């Protein structure tokens, strides 16, 4: 699992960083969520606005885990789960091109 972060500093400059590469032995949502929680703790991240993942059902569980274990989500966690649309879009284009 690769964890990236995007944040704005005090001068309103956008920063993007890869903060972790981790092997995920348990591909269930709770295992992924625990791994993500560990990365956040390691980096001292206590405010999360959103988590962007693909449409795998395990990711729904991981975001649910983070939602239930987080106390300080931005906007009360209403926009915590953001789905990445690149993969479904790529599938649809492939179907159109090669059908």
PDB file of N, CA and C in Angstrom:
ATOM      1  N   UNK A   1       0.851  -1.155   0.000  1.00  0.00           N
ATOM      2  CA  UNK A   1       0.000   0.000   0.000  1.00  0.00           C
ATOM      3  C   UNK A   1       0.907   1.231   0.000  1.00  0.00           C
ATOM      4  N   UNK A   2       0.572   2.176  -0.833  1.00  0.00           N
ATOM      5  CA  UNK A   2       1.296   3.445  -0.875  1.00  0.00           C
ATOM      6  C   UNK A   2       0.386   4.520  -0.294  1.00  0.00           C
ATOM      7  N   UNK A   3       0.903   5.257   0.669  1.00  0.00           N
ATOM      8  CA  UNK A   3       0.124   6.332   1.290  1.00  0.00           C
ATOM      9  C   UNK A   3       0.761   7.656   0.893  1.00  0.00           C
ATOM     10  N   UNK A   4      -0.044   8.496   0.263  1.00  0.00           N
ATOM     11  CA  UNK A   4       0.421   9.834  -0.106  1.00  0.00           C
ATOM     12  C   UNK A   4      -0.395  10.859   0.670  1.00  0.00           C
ATOM     13  N   UNK A   5       0.182  12.015   0.848  1.00  0.00           N
ATOM     14  CA  UNK A   5      -0.535  13.084   1.533  1.00  0.00           C
ATOM     15  C   UNK A   5      -0.412  14.364   0.730  1.00  0.00           C
ATOM     16  N   UNK A   6      -1.443  15.156   0.774  1.00  0.00           N
ATOM     17  CA  UNK A   6      -1.458  16.476   0.159  1.00  0.00           C
ATOM     18  C   UNK A   6      -1.852  17.451   1.263  1.00  0.00           C
ATOM     19  N   UNK A   7      -1.099  18.526   1.387  1.00  0.00           N
ATOM     20  CA  UNK A   7      -1.423  19.489   2.436  1.00  0.00           C
ATOM     21  C   UNK A   7      -0.994  20.883   2.023  1.00  0.00           C
ATOM     22  N   UNK A   8      -1.575  21.862   2.688  1.00  0.00           N
ATOM     23  CA  UNK A   8      -1.271  23.267   2.441  1.00  0.00           C
ATOM     24  C   UNK A   8      -0.542  23.794   3.664  1.00  0.00           C
ATOM     25  N   UNK A   9       0.605  24.443   3.434  1.00  0.00           N
ATOM     26  CA  UNK A   9       1.377  24.974   4.565  1.00  0.00           C
ATOM     27  C   UNK A   9       0.841  26.349   4.988  1.00  0.00           C
ATOM     28  N   UNK A  10       1.515  26.946   5.945  1.00  0.00           N
ATOM     29  CA  UNK A  10       1.057  28.240   6.475  1.00  0.00           C
ATOM     30  C   UNK A  10       1.111  29.358   5.443  1.00  0.00           C
ATOM     31  N   UNK A  11       1.929  29.166   4.402  1.00  0.00           N
ATOM     32  CA  UNK A  11       2.016  30.157   3.317  1.00  0.00           C
ATOM     33  C   UNK A  11       1.082  29.815   2.159  1.00  0.00           C
ATOM     34  N   UNK A  12       0.193  28.877   2.367  1.00  0.00           N
ATOM     35  CA  UNK A  12      -0.798  28.445   1.389  1.00  0.00           C
ATOM     36  C   UNK A  12      -0.165  27.809   0.148  1.00  0.00           C
ATOM     37  N   UNK A  13       0.974  27.141   0.333  1.00  0.00           N
ATOM     38  CA  UNK A  13       1.585  26.381  -0.756  1.00  0.00           C
ATOM     39  C   UNK A  13       1.171  24.925  -0.630  1.00  0.00           C
ATOM     40  N   UNK A  14       0.798  24.327  -1.764  1.00  0.00           N
ATOM     41  CA  UNK A  14       0.387  22.931  -1.796  1.00  0.00           C
ATOM     42  C   UNK A  14       1.619  22.033  -1.817  1.00  0.00           C
ATOM     43  N   UNK A  15       1.609  21.014  -0.962  1.00  0.00           N
ATOM     44  CA  UNK A  15       2.681  20.027  -0.910  1.00  0.00           C
ATOM     45  C   UNK A  15       2.098  18.642  -1.122  1.00  0.00           C
ATOM     46  N   UNK A  16       2.869  17.770  -1.783  1.00  0.00           N
ATOM     47  CA  UNK A  16       2.469  16.380  -1.994  1.00  0.00           C
ATOM     48  C   UNK A  16       3.643  15.505  -1.583  1.00  0.00           C
ATOM     49  N   UNK A  17       3.382  14.495  -0.771  1.00  0.00           N
ATOM     50  CA  UNK A  17       4.446  13.616  -0.296  1.00  0.00           C
ATOM     51  C   UNK A  17       3.966  12.168  -0.253  1.00  0.00           C
ATOM     52  N   UNK A  18       4.860  11.244  -0.597  1.00  0.00           N
ATOM     53  CA  UNK A  18       4.641   9.830  -0.315  1.00  0.00           C
ATOM     54  C   UNK A  18       5.205   9.615   1.081  1.00  0.00           C
ATOM     55  N   UNK A  19       4.351   9.159   2.001  1.00  0.00           N
ATOM     56  CA  UNK A  19       4.810   9.007   3.383  1.00  0.00           C
ATOM     57  C   UNK A  19       4.968   7.555   3.811  1.00  0.00           C
ATOM     58  N   UNK A  20       4.498   6.616   2.981  1.00  0.00           N
ATOM     59  CA  UNK A  20       4.648   5.219   3.377  1.00  0.00           C
ATOM     60  C   UNK A  20       4.440   4.274   2.211  1.00  0.00           C
ATOM     61  N   UNK A  21       5.271   3.250   2.181  1.00  0.00           N
ATOM     62  CA  UNK A  21       5.037   2.058   1.385  1.00  0.00           C
ATOM     63  C   UNK A  21       4.934   0.931   2.394  1.00  0.00           C
ATOM     64  N   UNK A  22       3.855   0.192   2.389  1.00  0.00           N
ATOM     65  CA  UNK A  22       3.676  -0.860   3.388  1.00  0.00           C
ATOM     66  C   UNK A  22       3.073  -2.098   2.759  1.00  0.00           C
ATOM     67  N   UNK A  23       3.553  -3.239   3.183  1.00  0.00           N
ATOM     68  CA  UNK A  23       2.955  -4.503   2.775  1.00  0.00           C
ATOM     69  C   UNK A  23       1.687  -4.705   3.600  1.00  0.00           C
ATOM     70  N   UNK A  24       0.618  -5.053   2.937  1.00  0.00           N
ATOM     71  CA  UNK A  24      -0.642  -5.324   3.625  1.00  0.00           C
ATOM     72  C   UNK A  24      -0.887  -6.823   3.521  1.00  0.00           C
ATOM     73  N   UNK A  25      -0.704  -7.522   4.637  1.00  0.00           N
ATOM     74  CA  UNK A  25      -0.886  -8.968   4.651  1.00  0.00           C
ATOM     75  C   UNK A  25      -2.361  -9.354   4.608  1.00  0.00           C
ATOM     76  N   UNK A  26      -3.179  -8.544   5.258  1.00  0.00           N
ATOM     77  CA  UNK A  26      -4.610  -8.811   5.364  1.00  0.00           C
ATOM     78  C   UNK A  26      -5.334  -7.844   4.435  1.00  0.00           C
ATOM     79  N   UNK A  27      -5.899  -8.345   3.375  1.00  0.00           N
ATOM     80  CA  UNK A  27      -6.525  -7.466   2.390  1.00  0.00           C
ATOM     81  C   UNK A  27      -7.987  -7.193   2.687  1.00  0.00           C
ATOM     82  N   UNK A  28      -8.387  -7.372   3.927  1.00  0.00           N
ATOM     83  CA  UNK A  28      -9.741  -6.982   4.332  1.00  0.00           C
ATOM     84  C   UNK A  28      -9.706  -5.524   4.756  1.00  0.00           C
ATOM     85  N   UNK A  29     -10.870  -4.929   4.804  1.00  0.00           N
ATOM     86  CA  UNK A  29     -10.969  -3.513   5.127  1.00  0.00           C
ATOM     87  C   UNK A  29     -10.362  -3.142   6.459  1.00  0.00           C
ATOM     88  N   UNK A  30     -10.605  -3.958   7.467  1.00  0.00           N
ATOM     89  CA  UNK A  30     -10.080  -3.627   8.792  1.00  0.00           C
ATOM     90  C   UNK A  30      -8.552  -3.648   8.806  1.00  0.00           C
ATOM     91  N   UNK A  31      -7.952  -4.623   8.133  1.00  0.00           N
ATOM     92  CA  UNK A  31      -6.491  -4.696   8.075  1.00  0.00           C
ATOM     93  C   UNK A  31      -5.882  -3.503   7.365  1.00  0.00           C
ATOM     94  N   UNK A  32      -6.499  -3.104   6.262  1.00  0.00           N
ATOM     95  CA  UNK A  32      -6.022  -1.927   5.527  1.00  0.00           C
ATOM     96  C   UNK A  32      -6.206  -0.676   6.379  1.00  0.00           C
ATOM     97  N   UNK A  33      -7.353  -0.572   7.039  1.00  0.00           N
ATOM     98  CA  UNK A  33      -7.628   0.580   7.905  1.00  0.00           C
ATOM     99  C   UNK A  33      -6.643   0.668   9.061  1.00  0.00           C
ATOM    100  N   UNK A  34      -6.308  -0.465   9.668  1.00  0.00           N
ATOM    101  CA  UNK A  34      -5.333  -0.470  10.763  1.00  0.00           C
ATOM    102  C   UNK A  34      -3.962  -0.020  10.273  1.00  0.00           C
ATOM    103  N   UNK A  35      -3.578  -0.486   9.095  1.00  0.00           N
ATOM    104  CA  UNK A  35      -2.293  -0.088   8.527  1.00  0.00           C
ATOM    105  C   UNK A  35      -2.270   1.415   8.267  1.00  0.00           C
ATOM    106  N   UNK A  36      -3.363   1.942   7.726  1.00  0.00           N
ATOM    107  CA  UNK A  36      -3.454   3.379   7.463  1.00  0.00           C
ATOM    108  C   UNK A  36      -3.438   4.170   8.764  1.00  0.00           C
ATOM    109  N   UNK A  37      -4.134   3.676   9.770  1.00  0.00           N
ATOM    110  CA  UNK A  37      -4.132   4.332  11.080  1.00  0.00           C
ATOM    111  C   UNK A  37      -2.715   4.369  11.660  1.00  0.00           C
ATOM    112  N   UNK A  38      -1.973   3.287  11.510  1.00  0.00           N
ATOM    113  CA  UNK A  38      -0.589   3.247  12.003  1.00  0.00           C
ATOM    114  C   UNK A  38       0.286   4.284  11.306  1.00  0.00           C
ATOM    115  N   UNK A  39       0.110   4.430   9.993  1.00  0.00           N
ATOM    116  CA  UNK A  39       0.881   5.431   9.251  1.00  0.00           C
ATOM    117  C   UNK A  39       0.542   6.830   9.759  1.00  0.00           C
ATOM    118  N   UNK A  40      -0.738   7.102   9.970  1.00  0.00           N
ATOM    119  CA  UNK A  40      -1.152   8.419  10.471  1.00  0.00           C
ATOM    120  C   UNK A  40      -0.559   8.694  11.853  1.00  0.00           C
ATOM    121  N   UNK A  41      -0.572   7.705  12.710  1.00  0.00           N
ATOM    122  CA  UNK A  41       0.019   7.870  14.048  1.00  0.00           C
ATOM    123  C   UNK A  41       1.516   8.116  13.955  1.00  0.00           C
ATOM    124  N   UNK A  42       2.177   7.351  13.097  1.00  0.00           N
ATOM    125  CA  UNK A  42       3.619   7.484  12.926  1.00  0.00           C
ATOM    126  C   UNK A  42       4.015   8.895  12.490  1.00  0.00           C
ATOM    127  N   UNK A  43       3.199   9.497  11.637  1.00  0.00           N
ATOM    128  CA  UNK A  43       3.489  10.824  11.115  1.00  0.00           C
ATOM    129  C   UNK A  43       2.829  11.947  11.924  1.00  0.00           C
ATOM    130  N   UNK A  44       2.091  11.601  12.949  1.00  0.00           N
ATOM    131  CA  UNK A  44       1.432  12.624  13.758  1.00  0.00           C
ATOM    132  C   UNK A  44       0.275  13.294  13.046  1.00  0.00           C
ATOM    133  N   UNK A  45      -0.345  12.578  12.119  1.00  0.00           N
ATOM    134  CA  UNK A  45      -1.485  13.129  11.382  1.00  0.00           C
ATOM    135  C   UNK A  45      -2.744  12.878  12.191  1.00  0.00           C
ATOM    136  N   UNK A  46      -3.404  13.950  12.597  1.00  0.00           N
ATOM    137  CA  UNK A  46      -4.611  13.777  13.399  1.00  0.00           C
ATOM    138  C   UNK A  46      -5.855  14.369  12.744  1.00  0.00           C
ATOM    139  N   UNK A  47      -5.681  15.069  11.619  1.00  0.00           N
ATOM    140  CA  UNK A  47      -6.824  15.618  10.887  1.00  0.00           C
ATOM    141  C   UNK A  47      -6.789  15.083   9.468  1.00  0.00           C
ATOM    142  N   UNK A  48      -7.867  14.442   9.064  1.00  0.00           N
ATOM    143  CA  UNK A  48      -7.966  13.888   7.715  1.00  0.00           C
ATOM    144  C   UNK A  48      -9.217  14.463   7.060  1.00  0.00           C
ATOM    145  N   UNK A  49      -9.040  15.030   5.874  1.00  0.00           N
ATOM    146  CA  UNK A  49     -10.198  15.561   5.171  1.00  0.00           C
ATOM    147  C   UNK A  49     -10.822  14.498   4.288  1.00  0.00           C
ATOM    148  N   UNK A  50     -10.001  13.741   3.544  1.00  0.00           N
ATOM    149  CA  UNK A  50     -10.558  12.708   2.689  1.00  0.00           C
ATOM    150  C   UNK A  50      -9.533  11.606   2.447  1.00  0.00           C
ATOM    151  N   UNK A  51     -10.048  10.453   2.106  1.00  0.00           N
ATOM    152  CA  UNK A  51      -9.238   9.307   1.728  1.00  0.00           C
ATOM    153  C   UNK A  51      -9.707   8.901   0.337  1.00  0.00           C
ATOM    154  N   UNK A  52      -8.803   8.937  -0.643  1.00  0.00           N
ATOM    155  CA  UNK A  52      -9.163   8.601  -2.012  1.00  0.00           C
ATOM    156  C   UNK A  52      -8.688   7.194  -2.326  1.00  0.00           C
ATOM    157  N   UNK A  53      -9.615   6.339  -2.694  1.00  0.00           N
ATOM    158  CA  UNK A  53      -9.320   4.940  -2.993  1.00  0.00           C
ATOM    159  C   UNK A  53     -10.136   4.506  -4.204  1.00  0.00           C
ATOM    160  N   UNK A  54      -9.794   3.334  -4.747  1.00  0.00           N
ATOM    161  CA  UNK A  54     -10.596   2.820  -5.854  1.00  0.00           C
ATOM    162  C   UNK A  54     -11.864   2.162  -5.307  1.00  0.00           C
ATOM    163  N   UNK A  55     -12.596   1.477  -6.148  1.00  0.00           N
ATOM    164  CA  UNK A  55     -13.905   0.960  -5.765  1.00  0.00           C
ATOM    165  C   UNK A  55     -13.887  -0.422  -5.132  1.00  0.00           C
ATOM    166  N   UNK A  56     -12.735  -0.942  -4.755  1.00  0.00           N
ATOM    167  CA  UNK A  56     -12.679  -2.258  -4.119  1.00  0.00           C
ATOM    168  C   UNK A  56     -13.454  -2.243  -2.805  1.00  0.00           C
ATOM    169  N   UNK A  57     -14.193  -3.303  -2.555  1.00  0.00           N
ATOM    170  CA  UNK A  57     -15.026  -3.344  -1.350  1.00  0.00           C
ATOM    171  C   UNK A  57     -14.190  -3.291  -0.083  1.00  0.00           C
ATOM    172  N   UNK A  58     -12.962  -3.808  -0.118  1.00  0.00           N
ATOM    173  CA  UNK A  58     -12.101  -3.741   1.058  1.00  0.00           C
ATOM    174  C   UNK A  58     -11.788  -2.288   1.423  1.00  0.00           C
ATOM    175  N   UNK A  59     -11.725  -1.420   0.424  1.00  0.00           N
ATOM    176  CA  UNK A  59     -11.469  -0.005   0.697  1.00  0.00           C
ATOM    177  C   UNK A  59     -12.644   0.654   1.402  1.00  0.00           C
ATOM    178  N   UNK A  60     -13.869   0.197   1.100  1.00  0.00           N
ATOM    179  CA  UNK A  60     -15.031   0.696   1.843  1.00  0.00           C
ATOM    180  C   UNK A  60     -14.859   0.380   3.325  1.00  0.00           C
ATOM    181  N   UNK A  61     -14.408  -0.845   3.610  1.00  0.00           N
ATOM    182  CA  UNK A  61     -14.179  -1.244   4.998  1.00  0.00           C
ATOM    183  C   UNK A  61     -13.056  -0.467   5.649  1.00  0.00           C
ATOM    184  N   UNK A  62     -11.998  -0.187   4.891  1.00  0.00           N
ATOM    185  CA  UNK A  62     -10.867   0.573   5.437  1.00  0.00           C
ATOM    186  C   UNK A  62     -11.290   1.997   5.799  1.00  0.00           C
ATOM    187  N   UNK A  63     -12.054   2.629   4.917  1.00  0.00           N
ATOM    188  CA  UNK A  63     -12.522   3.989   5.205  1.00  0.00           C
ATOM    189  C   UNK A  63     -13.497   3.958   6.375  1.00  0.00           C
ATOM    190  N   UNK A  64     -14.340   2.942   6.443  1.00  0.00           N
ATOM    191  CA  UNK A  64     -15.245   2.794   7.588  1.00  0.00           C
ATOM    192  C   UNK A  64     -14.472   2.647   8.884  1.00  0.00           C
ATOM    193  N   UNK A  65     -13.388   1.876   8.846  1.00  0.00           N
ATOM    194  CA  UNK A  65     -12.528   1.719  10.021  1.00  0.00           C
ATOM    195  C   UNK A  65     -11.951   3.066  10.435  1.00  0.00           C
ATOM    196  N   UNK A  66     -11.424   3.816   9.471  1.00  0.00           N
ATOM    197  CA  UNK A  66     -10.845   5.128   9.788  1.00  0.00           C
ATOM    198  C   UNK A  66     -11.910   6.089  10.317  1.00  0.00           C
ATOM    199  N   UNK A  67     -13.102   6.020   9.742  1.00  0.00           N
ATOM    200  CA  UNK A  67     -14.184   6.904  10.202  1.00  0.00           C
ATOM    201  C   UNK A  67     -14.546   6.598  11.652  1.00  0.00           C
ATOM    202  N   UNK A  68     -14.617   5.317  11.982  1.00  0.00           N
ATOM    203  CA  UNK A  68     -15.030   4.946  13.339  1.00  0.00           C
ATOM    204  C   UNK A  68     -13.922   5.153  14.368  1.00  0.00           C
ATOM    205  N   UNK A  69     -12.668   5.175  13.937  1.00  0.00           N
ATOM    206  CA  UNK A  69     -11.563   5.339  14.879  1.00  0.00           C
ATOM    207  C   UNK A  69     -11.027   6.766  14.930  1.00  0.00           C
ATOM    208  N   UNK A  70     -11.460   7.610  14.013  1.00  0.00           N
ATOM    209  CA  UNK A  70     -10.988   8.990  13.987  1.00  0.00           C
ATOM    210  C   UNK A  70     -11.866   9.885  14.834  1.00  0.00           C
ATOM    211  N   UNK A  71     -11.248  10.848  15.455  1.00  0.00           N
ATOM    212  CA  UNK A  71     -11.991  11.764  16.313  1.00  0.00           C
ATOM    213  C   UNK A  71     -11.997  13.186  15.755  1.00  0.00           C
ATOM    214  N   UNK A  72     -11.126  13.449  14.799  1.00  0.00           N
ATOM    215  CA  UNK A  72     -10.887  14.827  14.417  1.00  0.00           C
ATOM    216  C   UNK A  72     -10.913  15.014  12.897  1.00  0.00           C
ATOM    217  N   UNK A  73     -11.878  14.384  12.221  1.00  0.00           N
ATOM    218  CA  UNK A  73     -11.933  14.506  10.768  1.00  0.00           C
ATOM    219  C   UNK A  73     -12.458  15.881  10.377  1.00  0.00           C
ATOM    220  N   UNK A  74     -11.874  16.428   9.324  1.00  0.00           N
ATOM    221  CA  UNK A  74     -12.320  17.721   8.806  1.00  0.00           C
ATOM    222  C   UNK A  74     -13.739  17.557   8.277  1.00  0.00           C
ATOM    223  N   UNK A  75     -14.568  18.565   8.494  1.00  0.00           N
ATOM    224  CA  UNK A  75     -15.971  18.564   8.072  1.00  0.00           C
ATOM    225  C   UNK A  75     -16.731  17.371   8.645  1.00  0.00           C
ATOM    226  N   UNK A  76     -16.360  16.961   9.837  1.00  0.00           N
ATOM    227  CA  UNK A  76     -16.995  15.865  10.566  1.00  0.00           C
ATOM    228  C   UNK A  76     -16.999  14.557   9.773  1.00  0.00           C
ATOM    229  N   UNK A  77     -16.066  14.425   8.837  1.00  0.00           N
ATOM    230  CA  UNK A  77     -15.931  13.193   8.077  1.00  0.00           C
ATOM    231  C   UNK A  77     -16.969  12.991   6.993  1.00  0.00           C
ATOM    232  N   UNK A  78     -17.750  14.028   6.684  1.00  0.00           N
ATOM    233  CA  UNK A  78     -18.803  13.886   5.674  1.00  0.00           C
ATOM    234  C   UNK A  78     -18.247  13.581   4.289  1.00  0.00           C
ATOM    235  N   UNK A  79     -17.033  14.033   4.003  1.00  0.00           N
ATOM    236  CA  UNK A  79     -16.422  13.811   2.692  1.00  0.00           C
ATOM    237  C   UNK A  79     -15.165  12.953   2.825  1.00  0.00           C
ATOM    238  N   UNK A  80     -15.137  12.085   3.815  1.00  0.00           N
ATOM    239  CA  UNK A  80     -13.954  11.285   4.091  1.00  0.00           C
ATOM    240  C   UNK A  80     -13.653  10.300   2.968  1.00  0.00           C
ATOM    241  N   UNK A  81     -14.674   9.681   2.389  1.00  0.00           N
ATOM    242  CA  UNK A  81     -14.484   8.649   1.369  1.00  0.00           C
ATOM    243  C   UNK A  81     -14.666   9.257  -0.013  1.00  0.00           C
ATOM    244  N   UNK A  82     -13.570   9.382  -0.757  1.00  0.00           N
ATOM    245  CA  UNK A  82     -13.607   9.901  -2.120  1.00  0.00           C
ATOM    246  C   UNK A  82     -13.160   8.780  -3.043  1.00  0.00           C
ATOM    247  N   UNK A  83     -13.995   8.449  -3.990  1.00  0.00           N
ATOM    248  CA  UNK A  83     -13.665   7.365  -4.912  1.00  0.00           C
ATOM    249  C   UNK A  83     -12.880   7.895  -6.105  1.00  0.00           C
ATOM    250  N   UNK A  84     -11.830   7.174  -6.447  1.00  0.00           N
ATOM    251  CA  UNK A  84     -11.022   7.510  -7.618  1.00  0.00           C
ATOM    252  C   UNK A  84     -11.769   7.026  -8.855  1.00  0.00           C
ATOM    253  N   UNK A  85     -11.969   7.899  -9.811  1.00  0.00           N
ATOM    254  CA  UNK A  85     -12.731   7.547 -11.010  1.00  0.00           C
ATOM    255  C   UNK A  85     -11.860   7.140 -12.189  1.00  0.00           C
ATOM    256  N   UNK A  86     -10.547   7.155 -12.026  1.00  0.00           N
ATOM    257  CA  UNK A  86      -9.670   6.815 -13.149  1.00  0.00           C
ATOM    258  C   UNK A  86      -9.838   5.376 -13.593  1.00  0.00           C
ATOM    259  N   UNK A  87      -9.896   4.432 -12.665  1.00  0.00           N
ATOM    260  CA  UNK A  87      -9.982   3.022 -13.031  1.00  0.00           C
ATOM    261  C   UNK A  87     -11.300   2.694 -13.740  1.00  0.00           C
ATOM    262  N   UNK A  88     -12.467   3.077 -13.186  1.00  0.00           N
ATOM    263  CA  UNK A  88     -13.716   2.803 -13.923  1.00  0.00           C
ATOM    264  C   UNK A  88     -13.749   3.485 -15.289  1.00  0.00           C
ATOM    265  N   UNK A  89     -13.223   4.697 -15.368  1.00  0.00           N
ATOM    266  CA  UNK A  89     -13.189   5.405 -16.646  1.00  0.00           C
ATOM    267  C   UNK A  89     -12.316   4.642 -17.646  1.00  0.00           C
ATOM    268  N   UNK A  90     -11.173   4.156 -17.191  1.00  0.00           N
ATOM    269  CA  UNK A  90     -10.292   3.367 -18.048  1.00  0.00           C
ATOM    270  C   UNK A  90     -10.978   2.093 -18.538  1.00  0.00           C
ATOM    271  N   UNK A  91     -11.731   1.431 -17.668  1.00  0.00           N
ATOM    272  CA  UNK A  91     -12.462   0.231 -18.066  1.00  0.00           C
ATOM    273  C   UNK A  91     -13.484   0.539 -19.157  1.00  0.00           C
ATOM    274  N   UNK A  92     -14.219   1.611 -18.984  1.00  0.00           N
ATOM    275  CA  UNK A  92     -15.240   1.978 -19.969  1.00  0.00           C
ATOM    276  C   UNK A  92     -14.612   2.328 -21.316  1.00  0.00           C
ATOM    277  N   UNK A  93     -13.506   3.033 -21.285  1.00  0.00           N
ATOM    278  CA  UNK A  93     -12.832   3.392 -22.534  1.00  0.00           C
ATOM    279  C   UNK A  93     -12.324   2.139 -23.234  1.00  0.00           C
ATOM    280  N   UNK A  94     -11.760   1.205 -22.468  1.00  0.00           N
ATOM    281  CA  UNK A  94     -11.276  -0.058 -23.045  1.00  0.00           C
ATOM    282  C   UNK A  94     -12.415  -0.831 -23.700  1.00  0.00           C
ATOM    283  N   UNK A  95     -13.553  -0.849 -23.039  1.00  0.00           N
ATOM    284  CA  UNK A  95     -14.708  -1.546 -23.600  1.00  0.00           C
ATOM    285  C   UNK A  95     -15.130  -0.902 -24.921  1.00  0.00           C
ATOM    286  N   UNK A  96     -15.159   0.414 -24.943  1.00  0.00           N
ATOM    287  CA  UNK A  96     -15.550   1.116 -26.170  1.00  0.00           C
ATOM    288  C   UNK A  96     -14.549   0.917 -27.301  1.00  0.00           C
ATOM    289  N   UNK A  97     -13.260   0.924 -26.976  1.00  0.00           N
ATOM    290  CA  UNK A  97     -12.236   0.805 -28.005  1.00  0.00           C
ATOM    291  C   UNK A  97     -12.086  -0.601 -28.546  1.00  0.00           C
ATOM    292  N   UNK A  98     -12.263  -1.596 -27.669  1.00  0.00           N
ATOM    293  CA  UNK A  98     -11.955  -2.962 -28.065  1.00  0.00           C
ATOM    294  C   UNK A  98     -13.173  -3.878 -28.141  1.00  0.00           C
ATOM    295  N   UNK A  99     -14.354  -3.285 -28.126  1.00  0.00           N
ATOM    296  CA  UNK A  99     -15.569  -4.115 -28.193  1.00  0.00           C
ATOM    297  C   UNK A  99     -15.888  -4.502 -29.621  1.00  0.00           C
TER     298      UNK A  99
END
